[in-house]
PDB file of all heavy atoms in Angstrom:
ATOM      1  N   LYS A   1       2.042  20.196  -4.138  1.00  0.00           N
ATOM      2  CA  LYS A   1       2.302  19.603  -2.820  1.00  0.00           C
ATOM      3  C   LYS A   1       1.223  18.497  -2.543  1.00  0.00           C
ATOM      4  O   LYS A   1      -0.002  18.797  -2.698  1.00  0.00           O
ATOM      5  CB  LYS A   1       2.302  20.614  -1.748  1.00  0.00           C
ATOM      6  CG  LYS A   1       2.693  20.162  -0.456  1.00  0.00           C
ATOM      7  CD  LYS A   1       2.847  21.295   0.573  1.00  0.00           C
ATOM      8  CE  LYS A   1       3.323  20.833   1.911  1.00  0.00           C
ATOM      9  NZ  LYS A   1       3.450  21.869   2.862  1.00  0.00           N
ATOM     10  N   ILE A   2       1.665  17.382  -2.103  1.00  0.00           N
ATOM     11  CA  ILE A   2       0.708  16.303  -1.713  1.00  0.00           C
ATOM     12  C   ILE A   2       0.141  16.577  -0.382  1.00  0.00           C
ATOM     13  O   ILE A   2       0.863  16.610   0.667  1.00  0.00           O
ATOM     14  CB  ILE A   2       1.399  14.933  -1.736  1.00  0.00           C
ATOM     15  CG1 ILE A   2       1.939  14.620  -3.064  1.00  0.00           C
ATOM     16  CG2 ILE A   2       0.375  13.834  -1.284  1.00  0.00           C
ATOM     17  CD1 ILE A   2       2.871  13.349  -3.174  1.00  0.00           C
ATOM     18  N   SER A   3      -1.109  16.871  -0.292  1.00  0.00           N
ATOM     19  CA  SER A   3      -1.747  17.145   1.042  1.00  0.00           C
ATOM     20  C   SER A   3      -2.390  15.875   1.663  1.00  0.00           C
ATOM     21  O   SER A   3      -2.517  15.909   2.884  1.00  0.00           O
ATOM     22  CB  SER A   3      -2.769  18.264   0.894  1.00  0.00           C
ATOM     23  OG  SER A   3      -3.762  17.874  -0.040  1.00  0.00           O
ATOM     24  N   LYS A   4      -2.662  14.896   0.888  1.00  0.00           N
ATOM     25  CA  LYS A   4      -3.257  13.612   1.418  1.00  0.00           C
ATOM     26  C   LYS A   4      -2.992  12.530   0.483  1.00  0.00           C
ATOM     27  O   LYS A   4      -3.091  12.704  -0.742  1.00  0.00           O
ATOM     28  CB  LYS A   4      -4.746  13.874   1.652  1.00  0.00           C
ATOM     29  CG  LYS A   4      -5.395  12.748   2.411  1.00  0.00           C
ATOM     30  CD  LYS A   4      -6.793  13.202   2.894  1.00  0.00           C
ATOM     31  CE  LYS A   4      -7.308  12.112   3.793  1.00  0.00           C
ATOM     32  NZ  LYS A   4      -8.631  12.332   4.347  1.00  0.00           N
ATOM     33  N   ILE A   5      -2.723  11.359   1.012  1.00  0.00           N
ATOM     34  CA  ILE A   5      -2.567  10.093   0.296  1.00  0.00           C
ATOM     35  C   ILE A   5      -3.700   9.176   0.829  1.00  0.00           C
ATOM     36  O   ILE A   5      -3.736   8.929   2.019  1.00  0.00           O
ATOM     37  CB  ILE A   5      -1.194   9.414   0.513  1.00  0.00           C
ATOM     38  CG1 ILE A   5      -0.085  10.365   0.068  1.00  0.00           C
ATOM     39  CG2 ILE A   5      -1.125   8.108  -0.214  1.00  0.00           C
ATOM     40  CD1 ILE A   5       1.275   9.877   0.349  1.00  0.00           C
ATOM     41  N   GLU A   6      -4.533   8.698  -0.032  1.00  0.00           N
ATOM     42  CA  GLU A   6      -5.675   7.909   0.361  1.00  0.00           C
ATOM     43  C   GLU A   6      -5.766   6.644  -0.495  1.00  0.00           C
ATOM     44  O   GLU A   6      -5.675   6.659  -1.714  1.00  0.00           O
ATOM     45  CB  GLU A   6      -7.015   8.736   0.146  1.00  0.00           C
ATOM     46  CG  GLU A   6      -8.218   8.131   0.728  1.00  0.00           C
ATOM     47  CD  GLU A   6      -9.353   9.148   0.617  1.00  0.00           C
ATOM     48  OE1 GLU A   6      -9.325  10.192   1.343  1.00  0.00           O
ATOM     49  OE2 GLU A   6     -10.282   8.880  -0.193  1.00  0.00           O
ATOM     50  N   TYR A   7      -5.926   5.504   0.267  1.00  0.00           N
ATOM     51  CA  TYR A   7      -6.115   4.185  -0.459  1.00  0.00           C
ATOM     52  C   TYR A   7      -7.648   3.905  -0.421  1.00  0.00           C
ATOM     53  O   TYR A   7      -8.183   3.700   0.617  1.00  0.00           O
ATOM     54  CB  TYR A   7      -5.382   3.109   0.209  1.00  0.00           C
ATOM     55  CG  TYR A   7      -3.879   3.179   0.035  1.00  0.00           C
ATOM     56  CD1 TYR A   7      -3.072   3.980   0.838  1.00  0.00           C
ATOM     57  CD2 TYR A   7      -3.231   2.624  -1.051  1.00  0.00           C
ATOM     58  CE1 TYR A   7      -1.766   4.117   0.654  1.00  0.00           C
ATOM     59  CE2 TYR A   7      -1.945   2.751  -1.274  1.00  0.00           C
ATOM     60  CZ  TYR A   7      -1.157   3.436  -0.442  1.00  0.00           C
ATOM     61  OH  TYR A   7       0.206   3.533  -0.583  1.00  0.00           O
ATOM     62  N   ARG A   8      -8.262   3.889  -1.638  1.00  0.00           N
ATOM     63  CA  ARG A   8      -9.730   3.603  -1.715  1.00  0.00           C
ATOM     64  C   ARG A   8      -9.902   2.171  -2.175  1.00  0.00           C
ATOM     65  O   ARG A   8      -9.116   1.619  -2.923  1.00  0.00           O
ATOM     66  CB  ARG A   8     -10.341   4.560  -2.665  1.00  0.00           C
ATOM     67  CG  ARG A   8     -10.219   6.003  -2.227  1.00  0.00           C
ATOM     68  CD  ARG A   8     -10.845   6.909  -3.166  1.00  0.00           C
ATOM     69  NE  ARG A   8     -10.568   8.300  -2.838  1.00  0.00           N
ATOM     70  CZ  ARG A   8     -10.893   9.318  -3.559  1.00  0.00           C
ATOM     71  NH1 ARG A   8     -11.385   9.220  -4.745  1.00  0.00           N
ATOM     72  NH2 ARG A   8     -10.570  10.589  -3.176  1.00  0.00           N
ATOM     73  N   PRO A   9     -11.033   1.508  -1.758  1.00  0.00           N
ATOM     74  CA  PRO A   9     -11.324   0.129  -2.208  1.00  0.00           C
ATOM     75  C   PRO A   9     -11.511   0.116  -3.647  1.00  0.00           C
ATOM     76  O   PRO A   9     -12.062   1.028  -4.240  1.00  0.00           O
ATOM     77  CB  PRO A   9     -12.559  -0.242  -1.403  1.00  0.00           C
ATOM     78  CG  PRO A   9     -13.020   0.997  -0.676  1.00  0.00           C
ATOM     79  CD  PRO A   9     -11.999   2.065  -0.778  1.00  0.00           C
ATOM     80  N   GLY A  10     -11.136  -1.036  -4.286  1.00  0.00           N
ATOM     81  CA  GLY A  10     -11.344  -1.254  -5.686  1.00  0.00           C
ATOM     82  C   GLY A  10     -10.287  -0.833  -6.578  1.00  0.00           C
ATOM     83  O   GLY A  10     -10.403  -1.001  -7.803  1.00  0.00           O
ATOM     84  N   HIS A  11      -9.137  -0.318  -6.016  1.00  0.00           N
ATOM     85  CA  HIS A  11      -8.039   0.110  -6.943  1.00  0.00           C
ATOM     86  C   HIS A  11      -6.739  -0.678  -6.697  1.00  0.00           C
ATOM     87  O   HIS A  11      -5.716  -0.210  -7.089  1.00  0.00           O
ATOM     88  CB  HIS A  11      -7.797   1.638  -6.772  1.00  0.00           C
ATOM     89  CG  HIS A  11      -8.941   2.474  -7.285  1.00  0.00           C
ATOM     90  ND1 HIS A  11      -9.221   2.605  -8.645  1.00  0.00           N
ATOM     91  CD2 HIS A  11      -9.940   3.071  -6.694  1.00  0.00           C
ATOM     92  CE1 HIS A  11     -10.232   3.361  -8.817  1.00  0.00           C
ATOM     93  NE2 HIS A  11     -10.726   3.619  -7.622  1.00  0.00           N
ATOM     94  N   ARG A  12      -6.858  -1.717  -6.031  1.00  0.00           N
ATOM     95  CA  ARG A  12      -5.726  -2.760  -5.875  1.00  0.00           C
ATOM     96  C   ARG A  12      -4.390  -2.218  -5.412  1.00  0.00           C
ATOM     97  O   ARG A  12      -3.428  -2.426  -5.993  1.00  0.00           O
ATOM     98  CB  ARG A  12      -5.596  -3.512  -7.200  1.00  0.00           C
ATOM     99  CG  ARG A  12      -6.840  -4.228  -7.557  1.00  0.00           C
ATOM    100  CD  ARG A  12      -6.690  -5.034  -8.822  1.00  0.00           C
ATOM    101  NE  ARG A  12      -7.871  -5.655  -9.107  1.00  0.00           N
ATOM    102  CZ  ARG A  12      -8.209  -6.193 -10.232  1.00  0.00           C
ATOM    103  NH1 ARG A  12      -7.369  -6.263 -11.146  1.00  0.00           N
ATOM    104  NH2 ARG A  12      -9.343  -6.829 -10.412  1.00  0.00           N
ATOM    105  N   GLY A  13      -4.515  -1.384  -4.410  1.00  0.00           N
ATOM    106  CA  GLY A  13      -3.282  -0.829  -3.831  1.00  0.00           C
ATOM    107  C   GLY A  13      -2.761   0.434  -4.454  1.00  0.00           C
ATOM    108  O   GLY A  13      -1.729   0.926  -4.084  1.00  0.00           O
ATOM    109  N   SER A  14      -3.440   0.963  -5.457  1.00  0.00           N
ATOM    110  CA  SER A  14      -3.049   2.182  -6.029  1.00  0.00           C
ATOM    111  C   SER A  14      -3.714   3.363  -5.289  1.00  0.00           C
ATOM    112  O   SER A  14      -4.874   3.435  -5.205  1.00  0.00           O
ATOM    113  CB  SER A  14      -3.460   2.271  -7.523  1.00  0.00           C
ATOM    114  OG  SER A  14      -2.802   1.315  -8.273  1.00  0.00           O
ATOM    115  N   PRO A  15      -2.900   4.241  -4.759  1.00  0.00           N
ATOM    116  CA  PRO A  15      -3.446   5.321  -3.940  1.00  0.00           C
ATOM    117  C   PRO A  15      -3.915   6.531  -4.783  1.00  0.00           C
ATOM    118  O   PRO A  15      -3.481   6.709  -5.897  1.00  0.00           O
ATOM    119  CB  PRO A  15      -2.261   5.755  -3.080  1.00  0.00           C
ATOM    120  CG  PRO A  15      -1.052   5.487  -3.908  1.00  0.00           C
ATOM    121  CD  PRO A  15      -1.399   4.292  -4.715  1.00  0.00           C
ATOM    122  N   TYR A  16      -4.750   7.274  -4.189  1.00  0.00           N
ATOM    123  CA  TYR A  16      -5.130   8.691  -4.767  1.00  0.00           C
ATOM    124  C   TYR A  16      -4.252   9.638  -3.956  1.00  0.00           C
ATOM    125  O   TYR A  16      -4.067   9.557  -2.735  1.00  0.00           O
ATOM    126  CB  TYR A  16      -6.580   8.953  -4.446  1.00  0.00           C
ATOM    127  CG  TYR A  16      -7.571   8.320  -5.414  1.00  0.00           C
ATOM    128  CD1 TYR A  16      -8.024   7.023  -5.155  1.00  0.00           C
ATOM    129  CD2 TYR A  16      -7.974   9.051  -6.481  1.00  0.00           C
ATOM    130  CE1 TYR A  16      -8.966   6.447  -6.068  1.00  0.00           C
ATOM    131  CE2 TYR A  16      -8.886   8.510  -7.408  1.00  0.00           C
ATOM    132  CZ  TYR A  16      -9.345   7.161  -7.182  1.00  0.00           C
ATOM    133  OH  TYR A  16     -10.241   6.655  -8.090  1.00  0.00           O
ATOM    134  N   LEU A  17      -3.748  10.667  -4.761  1.00  0.00           N
ATOM    135  CA  LEU A  17      -2.979  11.677  -4.203  1.00  0.00           C
ATOM    136  C   LEU A  17      -3.777  13.006  -4.362  1.00  0.00           C
ATOM    137  O   LEU A  17      -4.193  13.227  -5.367  1.00  0.00           O
ATOM    138  CB  LEU A  17      -1.632  11.868  -4.889  1.00  0.00           C
ATOM    139  CG  LEU A  17      -0.682  10.688  -5.011  1.00  0.00           C
ATOM    140  CD1 LEU A  17       0.514  11.054  -5.813  1.00  0.00           C
ATOM    141  CD2 LEU A  17      -0.372  10.175  -3.631  1.00  0.00           C
ATOM    142  N   LYS A  18      -3.898  13.748  -3.220  1.00  0.00           N
ATOM    143  CA  LYS A  18      -4.607  14.998  -3.302  1.00  0.00           C
ATOM    144  C   LYS A  18      -3.438  16.027  -3.546  1.00  0.00           C
ATOM    145  O   LYS A  18      -2.631  16.329  -2.685  1.00  0.00           O
ATOM    146  CB  LYS A  18      -5.307  15.417  -2.061  1.00  0.00           C
ATOM    147  CG  LYS A  18      -6.162  16.563  -2.189  1.00  0.00           C
ATOM    148  CD  LYS A  18      -7.150  16.775  -1.080  1.00  0.00           C
ATOM    149  CE  LYS A  18      -7.988  18.014  -1.389  1.00  0.00           C
ATOM    150  NZ  LYS A  18      -8.901  18.278  -0.214  1.00  0.00           N
ATOM    151  N   ILE A  19      -3.397  16.604  -4.753  1.00  0.00           N
ATOM    152  CA  ILE A  19      -2.404  17.556  -5.162  1.00  0.00           C
ATOM    153  C   ILE A  19      -3.120  18.857  -5.389  1.00  0.00           C
ATOM    154  O   ILE A  19      -3.850  18.892  -6.347  1.00  0.00           O
ATOM    155  CB  ILE A  19      -1.611  17.071  -6.460  1.00  0.00           C
ATOM    156  CG1 ILE A  19      -0.881  15.766  -6.068  1.00  0.00           C
ATOM    157  CG2 ILE A  19      -0.608  18.156  -6.857  1.00  0.00           C
ATOM    158  CD1 ILE A  19      -0.255  15.168  -7.327  1.00  0.00           C
ATOM    159  N   GLY A  20      -2.941  19.836  -4.521  1.00  0.00           N
ATOM    160  CA  GLY A  20      -3.687  21.067  -4.685  1.00  0.00           C
ATOM    161  C   GLY A  20      -5.189  20.781  -4.302  1.00  0.00           C
ATOM    162  O   GLY A  20      -5.462  20.270  -3.210  1.00  0.00           O
ATOM    163  N   ASN A  21      -6.031  21.014  -5.212  1.00  0.00           N
ATOM    164  CA  ASN A  21      -7.508  20.726  -4.945  1.00  0.00           C
ATOM    165  C   ASN A  21      -8.000  19.462  -5.726  1.00  0.00           C
ATOM    166  O   ASN A  21      -9.205  19.176  -5.694  1.00  0.00           O
ATOM    167  CB  ASN A  21      -8.361  21.889  -5.288  1.00  0.00           C
ATOM    168  CG  ASN A  21      -8.149  23.077  -4.329  1.00  0.00           C
ATOM    169  OD1 ASN A  21      -7.855  22.885  -3.170  1.00  0.00           O
ATOM    170  ND2 ASN A  21      -8.215  24.289  -4.881  1.00  0.00           N
ATOM    171  N   GLU A  22      -7.120  18.753  -6.411  1.00  0.00           N
ATOM    172  CA  GLU A  22      -7.498  17.687  -7.272  1.00  0.00           C
ATOM    173  C   GLU A  22      -6.980  16.398  -6.651  1.00  0.00           C
ATOM    174  O   GLU A  22      -5.988  16.316  -6.078  1.00  0.00           O
ATOM    175  CB  GLU A  22      -6.859  17.833  -8.658  1.00  0.00           C
ATOM    176  CG  GLU A  22      -7.402  19.044  -9.445  1.00  0.00           C
ATOM    177  CD  GLU A  22      -6.783  19.106 -10.824  1.00  0.00           C
ATOM    178  OE1 GLU A  22      -5.875  18.265 -11.103  1.00  0.00           O
ATOM    179  OE2 GLU A  22      -7.106  19.986 -11.583  1.00  0.00           O
ATOM    180  N   TRP A  23      -7.803  15.327  -6.968  1.00  0.00           N
ATOM    181  CA  TRP A  23      -7.315  13.940  -6.632  1.00  0.00           C
ATOM    182  C   TRP A  23      -6.729  13.328  -7.924  1.00  0.00           C
ATOM    183  O   TRP A  23      -7.351  13.428  -8.940  1.00  0.00           O
ATOM    184  CB  TRP A  23      -8.556  13.140  -6.040  1.00  0.00           C
ATOM    185  CG  TRP A  23      -8.886  13.554  -4.686  1.00  0.00           C
ATOM    186  CD1 TRP A  23      -9.864  14.396  -4.340  1.00  0.00           C
ATOM    187  CD2 TRP A  23      -8.388  13.037  -3.500  1.00  0.00           C
ATOM    188  NE1 TRP A  23      -9.963  14.530  -2.956  1.00  0.00           N
ATOM    189  CE2 TRP A  23      -9.045  13.698  -2.433  1.00  0.00           C
ATOM    190  CE3 TRP A  23      -7.308  12.233  -3.165  1.00  0.00           C
ATOM    191  CZ2 TRP A  23      -8.727  13.474  -1.072  1.00  0.00           C
ATOM    192  CZ3 TRP A  23      -6.941  11.956  -1.858  1.00  0.00           C
ATOM    193  CH2 TRP A  23      -7.708  12.606  -0.796  1.00  0.00           C
ATOM    194  N   HIS A  24      -5.618  12.653  -7.691  1.00  0.00           N
ATOM    195  CA  HIS A  24      -4.913  12.049  -8.851  1.00  0.00           C
ATOM    196  C   HIS A  24      -4.700  10.609  -8.519  1.00  0.00           C
ATOM    197  O   HIS A  24      -4.080  10.225  -7.455  1.00  0.00           O
ATOM    198  CB  HIS A  24      -3.622  12.672  -9.121  1.00  0.00           C
ATOM    199  CG  HIS A  24      -2.846  12.037 -10.253  1.00  0.00           C
ATOM    200  ND1 HIS A  24      -3.212  12.135 -11.530  1.00  0.00           N
ATOM    201  CD2 HIS A  24      -1.754  11.252 -10.187  1.00  0.00           C
ATOM    202  CE1 HIS A  24      -2.345  11.524 -12.246  1.00  0.00           C
ATOM    203  NE2 HIS A  24      -1.439  10.874 -11.425  1.00  0.00           N
ATOM    204  N   LEU A  25      -5.246   9.667  -9.295  1.00  0.00           N
ATOM    205  CA  LEU A  25      -5.024   8.212  -9.117  1.00  0.00           C
ATOM    206  C   LEU A  25      -3.690   7.795  -9.739  1.00  0.00           C
ATOM    207  O   LEU A  25      -3.426   8.059 -10.837  1.00  0.00           O
ATOM    208  CB  LEU A  25      -6.184   7.393  -9.768  1.00  0.00           C
ATOM    209  CG  LEU A  25      -6.106   5.886  -9.722  1.00  0.00           C
ATOM    210  CD1 LEU A  25      -6.013   5.328  -8.285  1.00  0.00           C
ATOM    211  CD2 LEU A  25      -7.106   5.213 -10.549  1.00  0.00           C
ATOM    212  N   ILE A  26      -2.893   7.182  -8.896  1.00  0.00           N
ATOM    213  CA  ILE A  26      -1.604   6.630  -9.364  1.00  0.00           C
ATOM    214  C   ILE A  26      -1.878   5.405 -10.259  1.00  0.00           C
ATOM    215  O   ILE A  26      -2.483   4.459  -9.840  1.00  0.00           O
ATOM    216  CB  ILE A  26      -0.652   6.217  -8.215  1.00  0.00           C
ATOM    217  CG1 ILE A  26      -0.305   7.477  -7.370  1.00  0.00           C
ATOM    218  CG2 ILE A  26       0.592   5.590  -8.643  1.00  0.00           C
ATOM    219  CD1 ILE A  26       0.523   8.461  -8.040  1.00  0.00           C
ATOM    220  N   ASN A  27      -1.309   5.453 -11.516  1.00  0.00           N
ATOM    221  CA  ASN A  27      -1.541   4.356 -12.390  1.00  0.00           C
ATOM    222  C   ASN A  27      -0.331   3.372 -12.453  1.00  0.00           C
ATOM    223  O   ASN A  27       0.622   3.541 -11.757  1.00  0.00           O
ATOM    224  CB  ASN A  27      -1.947   4.808 -13.772  1.00  0.00           C
ATOM    225  CG  ASN A  27      -0.844   5.577 -14.467  1.00  0.00           C
ATOM    226  OD1 ASN A  27       0.329   5.374 -14.134  1.00  0.00           O
ATOM    227  ND2 ASN A  27      -1.194   6.434 -15.471  1.00  0.00           N
ATOM    228  N   ALA A  28      -0.372   2.444 -13.279  1.00  0.00           N
ATOM    229  CA  ALA A  28       0.677   1.403 -13.302  1.00  0.00           C
ATOM    230  C   ALA A  28       2.105   1.953 -13.530  1.00  0.00           C
ATOM    231  O   ALA A  28       3.029   1.475 -13.022  1.00  0.00           O
ATOM    232  CB  ALA A  28       0.330   0.364 -14.342  1.00  0.00           C
ATOM    233  N   GLU A  29       2.220   2.941 -14.392  1.00  0.00           N
ATOM    234  CA  GLU A  29       3.512   3.482 -14.669  1.00  0.00           C
ATOM    235  C   GLU A  29       4.111   4.214 -13.544  1.00  0.00           C
ATOM    236  O   GLU A  29       5.300   4.394 -13.391  1.00  0.00           O
ATOM    237  CB  GLU A  29       3.387   4.453 -15.895  1.00  0.00           C
ATOM    238  CG  GLU A  29       3.141   3.839 -17.213  1.00  0.00           C
ATOM    239  CD  GLU A  29       4.388   3.335 -17.831  1.00  0.00           C
ATOM    240  OE1 GLU A  29       5.489   3.712 -17.523  1.00  0.00           O
ATOM    241  OE2 GLU A  29       4.267   2.324 -18.662  1.00  0.00           O
ATOM    242  N   GLU A  30       3.262   4.770 -12.681  1.00  0.00           N
ATOM    243  CA  GLU A  30       3.673   5.580 -11.524  1.00  0.00           C
ATOM    244  C   GLU A  30       3.803   4.814 -10.252  1.00  0.00           C
ATOM    245  O   GLU A  30       4.237   5.378  -9.241  1.00  0.00           O
ATOM    246  CB  GLU A  30       2.648   6.701 -11.273  1.00  0.00           C
ATOM    247  CG  GLU A  30       2.477   7.634 -12.536  1.00  0.00           C
ATOM    248  CD  GLU A  30       1.202   8.439 -12.425  1.00  0.00           C
ATOM    249  OE1 GLU A  30       0.151   7.824 -12.262  1.00  0.00           O
ATOM    250  OE2 GLU A  30       1.255   9.553 -12.717  1.00  0.00           O
ATOM    251  N   LEU A  31       3.556   3.531 -10.293  1.00  0.00           N
ATOM    252  CA  LEU A  31       3.616   2.702  -8.990  1.00  0.00           C
ATOM    253  C   LEU A  31       5.018   2.698  -8.364  1.00  0.00           C
ATOM    254  O   LEU A  31       5.130   2.454  -7.165  1.00  0.00           O
ATOM    255  CB  LEU A  31       3.120   1.320  -9.267  1.00  0.00           C
ATOM    256  CG  LEU A  31       1.626   1.147  -9.556  1.00  0.00           C
ATOM    257  CD1 LEU A  31       1.339  -0.317  -9.866  1.00  0.00           C
ATOM    258  CD2 LEU A  31       0.872   1.640  -8.343  1.00  0.00           C
ATOM    259  N   LYS A  32       6.028   2.998  -9.183  1.00  0.00           N
ATOM    260  CA  LYS A  32       7.440   2.918  -8.640  1.00  0.00           C
ATOM    261  C   LYS A  32       7.671   4.008  -7.582  1.00  0.00           C
ATOM    262  O   LYS A  32       8.597   3.919  -6.760  1.00  0.00           O
ATOM    263  CB  LYS A  32       8.372   3.052  -9.756  1.00  0.00           C
ATOM    264  CG  LYS A  32       8.196   4.347 -10.638  1.00  0.00           C
ATOM    265  CD  LYS A  32       8.937   4.278 -11.938  1.00  0.00           C
ATOM    266  CE  LYS A  32       8.476   5.398 -12.873  1.00  0.00           C
ATOM    267  NZ  LYS A  32       8.649   5.084 -14.199  1.00  0.00           N
ATOM    268  N   ILE A  33       6.848   5.076  -7.575  1.00  0.00           N
ATOM    269  CA  ILE A  33       7.099   6.166  -6.566  1.00  0.00           C
ATOM    270  C   ILE A  33       6.334   6.006  -5.291  1.00  0.00           C
ATOM    271  O   ILE A  33       6.632   6.700  -4.326  1.00  0.00           O
ATOM    272  CB  ILE A  33       6.742   7.517  -7.209  1.00  0.00           C
ATOM    273  CG1 ILE A  33       5.266   7.683  -7.406  1.00  0.00           C
ATOM    274  CG2 ILE A  33       7.512   7.798  -8.443  1.00  0.00           C
ATOM    275  CD1 ILE A  33       4.844   9.093  -7.805  1.00  0.00           C
ATOM    276  N   ILE A  34       5.438   5.020  -5.143  1.00  0.00           N
ATOM    277  CA  ILE A  34       4.636   4.861  -4.011  1.00  0.00           C
ATOM    278  C   ILE A  34       5.408   4.659  -2.741  1.00  0.00           C
ATOM    279  O   ILE A  34       5.167   5.307  -1.724  1.00  0.00           O
ATOM    280  CB  ILE A  34       3.553   3.706  -4.176  1.00  0.00           C
ATOM    281  CG1 ILE A  34       2.533   4.144  -5.163  1.00  0.00           C
ATOM    282  CG2 ILE A  34       2.879   3.433  -2.846  1.00  0.00           C
ATOM    283  CD1 ILE A  34       1.544   3.004  -5.553  1.00  0.00           C
ATOM    284  N   PRO A  35       6.453   3.860  -2.653  1.00  0.00           N
ATOM    285  CA  PRO A  35       7.175   3.607  -1.416  1.00  0.00           C
ATOM    286  C   PRO A  35       7.926   4.927  -0.917  1.00  0.00           C
ATOM    287  O   PRO A  35       8.273   4.965   0.211  1.00  0.00           O
ATOM    288  CB  PRO A  35       8.193   2.540  -1.672  1.00  0.00           C
ATOM    289  CG  PRO A  35       7.713   1.824  -2.940  1.00  0.00           C
ATOM    290  CD  PRO A  35       6.919   2.877  -3.736  1.00  0.00           C
ATOM    291  N   TYR A  36       8.126   5.859  -1.871  1.00  0.00           N
ATOM    292  CA  TYR A  36       8.865   7.009  -1.456  1.00  0.00           C
ATOM    293  C   TYR A  36       8.037   8.262  -1.183  1.00  0.00           C
ATOM    294  O   TYR A  36       8.609   9.310  -0.784  1.00  0.00           O
ATOM    295  CB  TYR A  36       9.840   7.380  -2.601  1.00  0.00           C
ATOM    296  CG  TYR A  36      10.721   6.249  -3.008  1.00  0.00           C
ATOM    297  CD1 TYR A  36      10.443   5.409  -4.094  1.00  0.00           C
ATOM    298  CD2 TYR A  36      11.865   5.937  -2.249  1.00  0.00           C
ATOM    299  CE1 TYR A  36      11.211   4.383  -4.420  1.00  0.00           C
ATOM    300  CE2 TYR A  36      12.625   4.878  -2.537  1.00  0.00           C
ATOM    301  CZ  TYR A  36      12.392   4.113  -3.606  1.00  0.00           C
ATOM    302  OH  TYR A  36      13.137   3.006  -3.916  1.00  0.00           O
ATOM    303  N   LEU A  37       6.726   8.218  -1.353  1.00  0.00           N
ATOM    304  CA  LEU A  37       5.863   9.353  -1.155  1.00  0.00           C
ATOM    305  C   LEU A  37       5.403   9.522   0.276  1.00  0.00           C
ATOM    306  O   LEU A  37       5.151   8.462   1.003  1.00  0.00           O
ATOM    307  CB  LEU A  37       4.584   9.217  -2.083  1.00  0.00           C
ATOM    308  CG  LEU A  37       4.853   9.442  -3.514  1.00  0.00           C
ATOM    309  CD1 LEU A  37       3.526   9.287  -4.231  1.00  0.00           C
ATOM    310  CD2 LEU A  37       5.503  10.734  -3.833  1.00  0.00           C
ATOM    311  N   GLN A  38       5.323  10.752   0.743  1.00  0.00           N
ATOM    312  CA  GLN A  38       4.755  11.001   2.033  1.00  0.00           C
ATOM    313  C   GLN A  38       3.964  12.338   1.867  1.00  0.00           C
ATOM    314  O   GLN A  38       4.186  13.121   0.944  1.00  0.00           O
ATOM    315  CB  GLN A  38       5.876  11.379   3.034  1.00  0.00           C
ATOM    316  CG  GLN A  38       6.795  10.149   3.355  1.00  0.00           C
ATOM    317  CD  GLN A  38       7.863  10.552   4.338  1.00  0.00           C
ATOM    318  OE1 GLN A  38       8.018  11.711   4.696  1.00  0.00           O
ATOM    319  NE2 GLN A  38       8.720   9.642   4.674  1.00  0.00           N
ATOM    320  N   GLU A  39       3.004  12.498   2.790  1.00  0.00           N
ATOM    321  CA  GLU A  39       2.261  13.746   2.786  1.00  0.00           C
ATOM    322  C   GLU A  39       3.165  14.952   3.030  1.00  0.00           C
ATOM    323  O   GLU A  39       4.055  14.791   3.825  1.00  0.00           O
ATOM    324  CB  GLU A  39       1.138  13.720   3.838  1.00  0.00           C
ATOM    325  CG  GLU A  39       0.049  12.719   3.471  1.00  0.00           C
ATOM    326  CD  GLU A  39      -1.082  12.673   4.489  1.00  0.00           C
ATOM    327  OE1 GLU A  39      -1.063  13.500   5.429  1.00  0.00           O
ATOM    328  OE2 GLU A  39      -1.963  11.872   4.304  1.00  0.00           O
ATOM    329  N   GLY A  40       3.017  15.913   2.336  1.00  0.00           N
ATOM    330  CA  GLY A  40       3.935  17.137   2.423  1.00  0.00           C
ATOM    331  C   GLY A  40       4.995  17.176   1.349  1.00  0.00           C
ATOM    332  O   GLY A  40       5.659  18.184   1.203  1.00  0.00           O
ATOM    333  N   ASP A  41       5.222  16.087   0.634  1.00  0.00           N
ATOM    334  CA  ASP A  41       6.095  16.075  -0.535  1.00  0.00           C
ATOM    335  C   ASP A  41       5.499  16.931  -1.685  1.00  0.00           C
ATOM    336  O   ASP A  41       4.267  16.979  -1.776  1.00  0.00           O
ATOM    337  CB  ASP A  41       6.402  14.685  -0.983  1.00  0.00           C
ATOM    338  CG  ASP A  41       7.193  13.860   0.001  1.00  0.00           C
ATOM    339  OD1 ASP A  41       7.736  14.436   1.012  1.00  0.00           O
ATOM    340  OD2 ASP A  41       7.334  12.668  -0.217  1.00  0.00           O
ATOM    341  N   SER A  42       6.400  17.364  -2.473  1.00  0.00           N
ATOM    342  CA  SER A  42       5.953  18.026  -3.731  1.00  0.00           C
ATOM    343  C   SER A  42       6.412  17.146  -4.940  1.00  0.00           C
ATOM    344  O   SER A  42       7.412  16.550  -4.892  1.00  0.00           O
ATOM    345  CB  SER A  42       6.666  19.378  -3.891  1.00  0.00           C
ATOM    346  OG  SER A  42       6.243  20.239  -2.904  1.00  0.00           O
ATOM    347  N   VAL A  43       5.475  17.016  -5.826  1.00  0.00           N
ATOM    348  CA  VAL A  43       5.718  16.053  -6.961  1.00  0.00           C
ATOM    349  C   VAL A  43       5.469  16.796  -8.236  1.00  0.00           C
ATOM    350  O   VAL A  43       4.569  17.663  -8.401  1.00  0.00           O
ATOM    351  CB  VAL A  43       4.762  14.840  -6.824  1.00  0.00           C
ATOM    352  CG1 VAL A  43       3.342  15.177  -6.907  1.00  0.00           C
ATOM    353  CG2 VAL A  43       5.086  13.808  -7.871  1.00  0.00           C
TER     354      VAL A  43
END
């Protein structure tokens, strides 16, 4: 479950997703899902 979506400087619009206790950086292949993600979604 995505508990937080965070945009950090230096990553050109790619967000970090907090899934469980880990932060995951969305890379170029995964950019297609960004417009559809919300906090509380499961991925």
